[in-house]
Amino acid sequence: MSANEFDNVSVINHPLLQHKLSYVRSADTTTDNFRRLVREISHMMAYEITRDLPTEKIAITTPLTTFDSPVISGKKLCLVSILRAGTGMLDGMIDLLPGARVGHIGLYRDPESLEAVEYYFKVPEDIQDRLVIVLDPMLATGHSAIAALDRLKEVGVTSIKFACLLAAPEGLRNLLAAHPDVPVTTASIDWHLNDHGYIVPGLGDAGDRIFGTK
């Protein structure tokens, strides 16, 4: 499915990223390799999602001369991981953005209603002054992502982006209806959700595969 069907959605089609994503999907990929690949894909996504960060010029002295060179301006951004699977993407993002502040939102999906239930929320005190990138490998029904974005807006965050490895069309529609102002970056828009709310073809349960719990 194409991102052209959705406003404010970017799909990263880089061949190297898609190559790695294929092995992330494979049921034969071991826990250690799955974790490594998610981290590497997150590196690549970090480049794309931060493409429009503001910059300013400062004086730099090279071995040959002094000149004005660009650096990222303003307060450092904040990465917010939706627990627990978002931790796998967080590790990769921090590799490239070591100065970023970090927040965590603990959500679990009620098995009957598929609605998101919050059990933990910890973010920087000045998060409302920062660009926030919310991380969750899977955008399935969209309920967890919507709940996380609702919560962040409640504490005053106005600049937010959302990043995921895979998105279902149903989840994208729900998320964009609830938060049309939040850009979404993903590596793939998959086919659909099954009767249990899992993304097809998907990659299974991202949390279980990252942490080896199943």
Protein backbone atom coordinates (compact mmCIF):
# COMPACT_ATOMS: atom_id res chain seq x y z
CA MET A 1 0.00 0.00 0.00
CA SER A 2 1.28 3.48 -0.88
CA ALA A 3 1.83 6.41 1.47
CA ASN A 4 0.14 8.54 -1.21
CA GLU A 5 -3.19 7.34 0.19
CA PHE A 6 -2.42 8.99 3.54
CA ASP A 7 -1.71 12.63 4.29
CA ASN A 8 1.28 13.32 6.54
CA VAL A 9 2.77 9.80 6.19
CA SER A 10 6.28 9.07 4.88
CA VAL A 11 7.46 5.57 3.93
CA ILE A 12 11.23 5.02 3.77
CA ASN A 13 11.87 2.87 0.72
CA HIS A 14 15.67 2.82 0.89
CA PRO A 15 16.87 -0.57 -0.46
CA LEU A 16 19.19 -1.22 2.48
CA LEU A 17 16.45 -0.52 5.01
CA GLN A 18 13.97 -2.72 3.14
CA HIS A 19 16.57 -5.51 2.97
CA LYS A 20 16.99 -5.41 6.74
CA LEU A 21 13.24 -5.22 7.28
CA SER A 22 12.76 -8.45 5.32
CA TYR A 23 14.98 -10.28 7.81
CA VAL A 24 13.19 -8.63 10.74
CA ARG A 25 9.95 -10.09 9.37
CA SER A 26 11.36 -13.61 9.01
CA ALA A 27 10.27 -16.11 11.67
CA ASP A 28 13.71 -17.71 11.34
CA THR A 29 15.56 -14.62 12.61
CA THR A 30 16.98 -15.21 16.09
CA THR A 31 16.40 -12.86 19.02
CA ASP A 32 19.90 -11.38 18.92
CA ASN A 33 19.73 -10.72 15.18
CA PHE A 34 16.20 -9.35 15.44
CA ARG A 35 17.31 -6.90 18.11
CA ARG A 36 20.36 -5.86 16.08
CA LEU A 37 18.34 -5.33 12.91
CA VAL A 38 15.71 -3.20 14.66
CA ARG A 39 18.52 -1.07 16.04
CA GLU A 40 20.12 -0.68 12.59
CA ILE A 41 16.80 0.19 10.95
CA SER A 42 16.21 2.78 13.68
CA HIS A 43 19.57 4.36 12.80
CA MET A 44 18.38 4.84 9.24
CA MET A 45 14.97 6.13 10.30
CA ALA A 46 16.64 8.67 12.58
CA TYR A 47 18.27 10.30 9.54
CA GLU A 48 14.94 10.69 7.76
CA ILE A 49 12.81 11.81 10.68
CA THR A 50 15.31 14.52 11.68
CA ARG A 51 15.81 15.81 8.14
CA ASP A 52 14.02 19.09 8.87
CA LEU A 53 15.62 19.95 12.22
CA PRO A 54 16.46 23.66 12.44
CA THR A 55 20.12 24.67 12.27
CA GLU A 56 22.20 27.73 13.04
CA LYS A 57 25.77 28.62 12.13
CA ILE A 58 28.61 28.86 14.61
CA ALA A 59 32.27 29.70 14.14
CA ILE A 60 34.40 26.58 13.63
CA THR A 61 38.18 26.52 13.41
CA THR A 62 39.54 23.81 11.14
CA PRO A 63 43.26 23.00 10.73
CA LEU A 64 43.22 25.47 7.82
CA THR A 65 40.84 28.33 8.64
CA THR A 66 37.85 29.60 10.61
CA PHE A 67 34.39 29.66 9.05
CA ASP A 68 30.70 29.54 9.96
CA SER A 69 29.34 25.98 9.96
CA PRO A 70 25.81 24.64 10.70
CA VAL A 71 24.82 22.90 13.94
CA ILE A 72 21.39 21.89 15.20
CA SER A 73 19.75 24.80 16.98
CA GLY A 74 17.34 25.06 19.89
CA LYS A 75 16.77 22.61 22.72
CA LYS A 76 17.69 19.00 22.09
CA LEU A 77 14.78 16.83 21.04
CA CYS A 78 13.08 14.22 23.21
CA LEU A 79 12.61 10.58 22.25
CA VAL A 80 9.57 8.96 23.86
CA SER A 81 9.41 5.18 23.88
CA ILE A 82 6.07 3.40 24.15
CA LEU A 83 6.90 0.49 26.43
CA ARG A 84 7.91 -2.08 26.03
CA ALA A 85 8.64 -2.65 22.34
CA GLY A 86 9.60 0.98 21.71
CA THR A 87 12.81 0.32 23.64
CA GLY A 88 14.21 -1.57 20.63
CA MET A 89 13.88 1.52 18.44
CA LEU A 90 15.03 3.85 21.22
CA ASP A 91 18.42 2.14 21.41
CA GLY A 92 19.09 2.76 17.73
CA MET A 93 17.88 6.36 17.79
CA ILE A 94 20.07 7.23 20.78
CA ASP A 95 23.14 5.93 18.95
CA LEU A 96 22.75 8.83 16.50
CA LEU A 97 21.15 11.31 18.91
CA PRO A 98 23.11 10.77 22.13
CA GLY A 99 22.16 14.16 23.54
CA ALA A 100 18.42 13.59 23.22
CA ARG A 101 16.26 13.56 26.33
CA VAL A 102 14.21 10.40 26.84
CA GLY A 103 10.68 9.76 28.06
CA HIS A 104 8.70 6.56 28.58
CA ILE A 105 5.00 5.81 28.33
CA GLY A 106 3.89 2.39 29.56
CA LEU A 107 0.82 1.09 27.73
CA TYR A 108 -0.65 -2.36 27.30
CA ARG A 109 -3.43 -3.46 25.01
CA ASP A 110 -6.54 -4.86 26.66
CA PRO A 111 -7.00 -8.29 25.02
CA GLU A 112 -10.77 -7.93 24.79
CA SER A 113 -11.33 -4.31 23.77
CA LEU A 114 -7.89 -3.82 22.15
CA GLU A 115 -7.88 -0.39 23.85
CA ALA A 116 -4.67 1.01 25.37
CA VAL A 117 -4.31 1.12 29.16
CA GLU A 118 -1.61 3.37 30.69
CA TYR A 119 0.52 2.06 33.58
CA TYR A 120 3.57 4.37 33.47
CA PHE A 121 4.39 7.92 32.37
CA LYS A 122 7.75 9.66 32.86
CA VAL A 123 9.00 12.49 30.63
CA PRO A 124 11.37 15.48 31.00
CA GLU A 125 9.89 18.41 32.92
CA ASP A 126 10.43 20.79 30.00
CA ILE A 127 9.16 18.41 27.33
CA GLN A 128 6.68 21.01 26.08
CA ASP A 129 9.64 23.05 24.83
CA ARG A 130 11.09 20.22 22.73
CA LEU A 131 10.42 18.39 19.50
CA VAL A 132 9.18 14.96 20.59
CA ILE A 133 9.59 11.79 18.51
CA VAL A 134 7.36 8.95 19.70
CA LEU A 135 8.68 5.44 19.01
CA ASP A 136 6.74 2.18 18.70
CA PRO A 137 7.67 -0.57 16.22
CA MET A 138 4.08 -1.48 15.36
CA LEU A 139 1.15 0.79 14.48
CA ALA A 140 -1.63 -1.78 14.49
CA THR A 141 -5.05 -0.51 15.66
CA GLY A 142 -3.44 2.82 16.52
CA HIS A 143 -4.99 2.86 20.00
CA SER A 144 -1.66 2.88 21.87
CA ALA A 145 -0.21 5.58 19.64
CA ILE A 146 -3.33 7.74 20.00
CA ALA A 147 -3.29 7.32 23.79
CA ALA A 148 0.41 8.28 23.91
CA LEU A 149 -0.11 11.35 21.75
CA ASP A 150 -3.18 12.37 23.78
CA ARG A 151 -1.11 12.15 26.97
CA LEU A 152 1.77 14.17 25.54
CA LYS A 153 -0.54 16.90 24.34
CA GLU A 154 -2.14 16.98 27.80
CA VAL A 155 1.22 18.03 29.28
CA GLY A 156 1.70 20.75 26.68
CA VAL A 157 3.69 19.14 23.86
CA THR A 158 2.94 20.85 20.56
CA SER A 159 5.70 19.54 18.26
CA ILE A 160 5.42 15.76 17.79
CA LYS A 161 6.41 13.13 15.25
CA PHE A 162 5.64 9.40 15.30
CA ALA A 163 7.97 6.65 14.03
CA CYS A 164 7.24 2.95 13.57
CA LEU A 165 8.67 0.02 11.64
CA LEU A 166 5.33 -1.20 10.32
CA ALA A 167 1.89 0.37 10.03
CA ALA A 168 -1.49 -1.15 9.24
CA PRO A 169 -3.86 0.94 7.10
CA GLU A 170 -6.49 0.71 9.84
CA GLY A 171 -4.07 2.10 12.42
CA LEU A 172 -2.96 4.93 10.15
CA ARG A 173 -6.56 5.96 9.51
CA ASN A 174 -7.32 5.98 13.23
CA LEU A 175 -4.15 7.87 14.15
CA LEU A 176 -4.51 10.49 11.44
CA ALA A 177 -8.17 11.04 12.30
CA ALA A 178 -7.27 11.64 15.96
CA HIS A 179 -4.01 13.56 15.37
CA PRO A 180 -3.86 14.92 11.81
CA ASP A 181 -1.08 17.31 12.87
CA VAL A 182 1.40 14.52 13.76
CA PRO A 183 3.67 13.36 10.89
CA VAL A 184 4.19 9.58 10.70
CA THR A 185 7.38 7.93 9.43
CA THR A 186 7.39 4.20 8.78
CA ALA A 187 9.34 1.57 6.87
CA SER A 188 6.21 -0.14 5.51
CA ILE A 189 2.44 0.12 5.23
CA ASP A 190 1.31 -3.51 5.42
CA TRP A 191 -1.88 -5.19 4.17
CA HIS A 192 -4.36 -5.24 7.04
CA LEU A 193 -5.07 -6.35 10.62
CA ASN A 194 -6.22 -9.89 11.40
CA ASP A 195 -9.03 -10.79 13.79
CA HIS A 196 -6.65 -10.52 16.76
CA GLY A 197 -5.44 -7.04 15.84
CA TYR A 198 -2.06 -8.18 14.50
CA ILE A 199 -0.50 -6.65 11.39
CA VAL A 200 -0.41 -8.90 8.29
CA PRO A 201 2.12 -9.83 6.91
CA GLY A 202 3.79 -8.08 9.84
CA LEU A 203 6.55 -9.58 11.96
CA GLY A 204 4.70 -11.03 14.94
CA ASP A 205 4.84 -9.45 18.41
CA ALA A 206 7.72 -6.97 18.33
CA GLY A 207 8.15 -6.93 22.11
CA ASP A 208 8.33 -10.72 22.40
CA ARG A 209 10.82 -10.91 19.55
CA ILE A 210 13.03 -8.10 20.90
CA PHE A 211 13.16 -9.51 24.42
CA GLY A 212 12.91 -13.21 23.62
CA THR A 213 9.83 -13.71 25.78
CA LYS A 214 8.07 -16.08 23.42
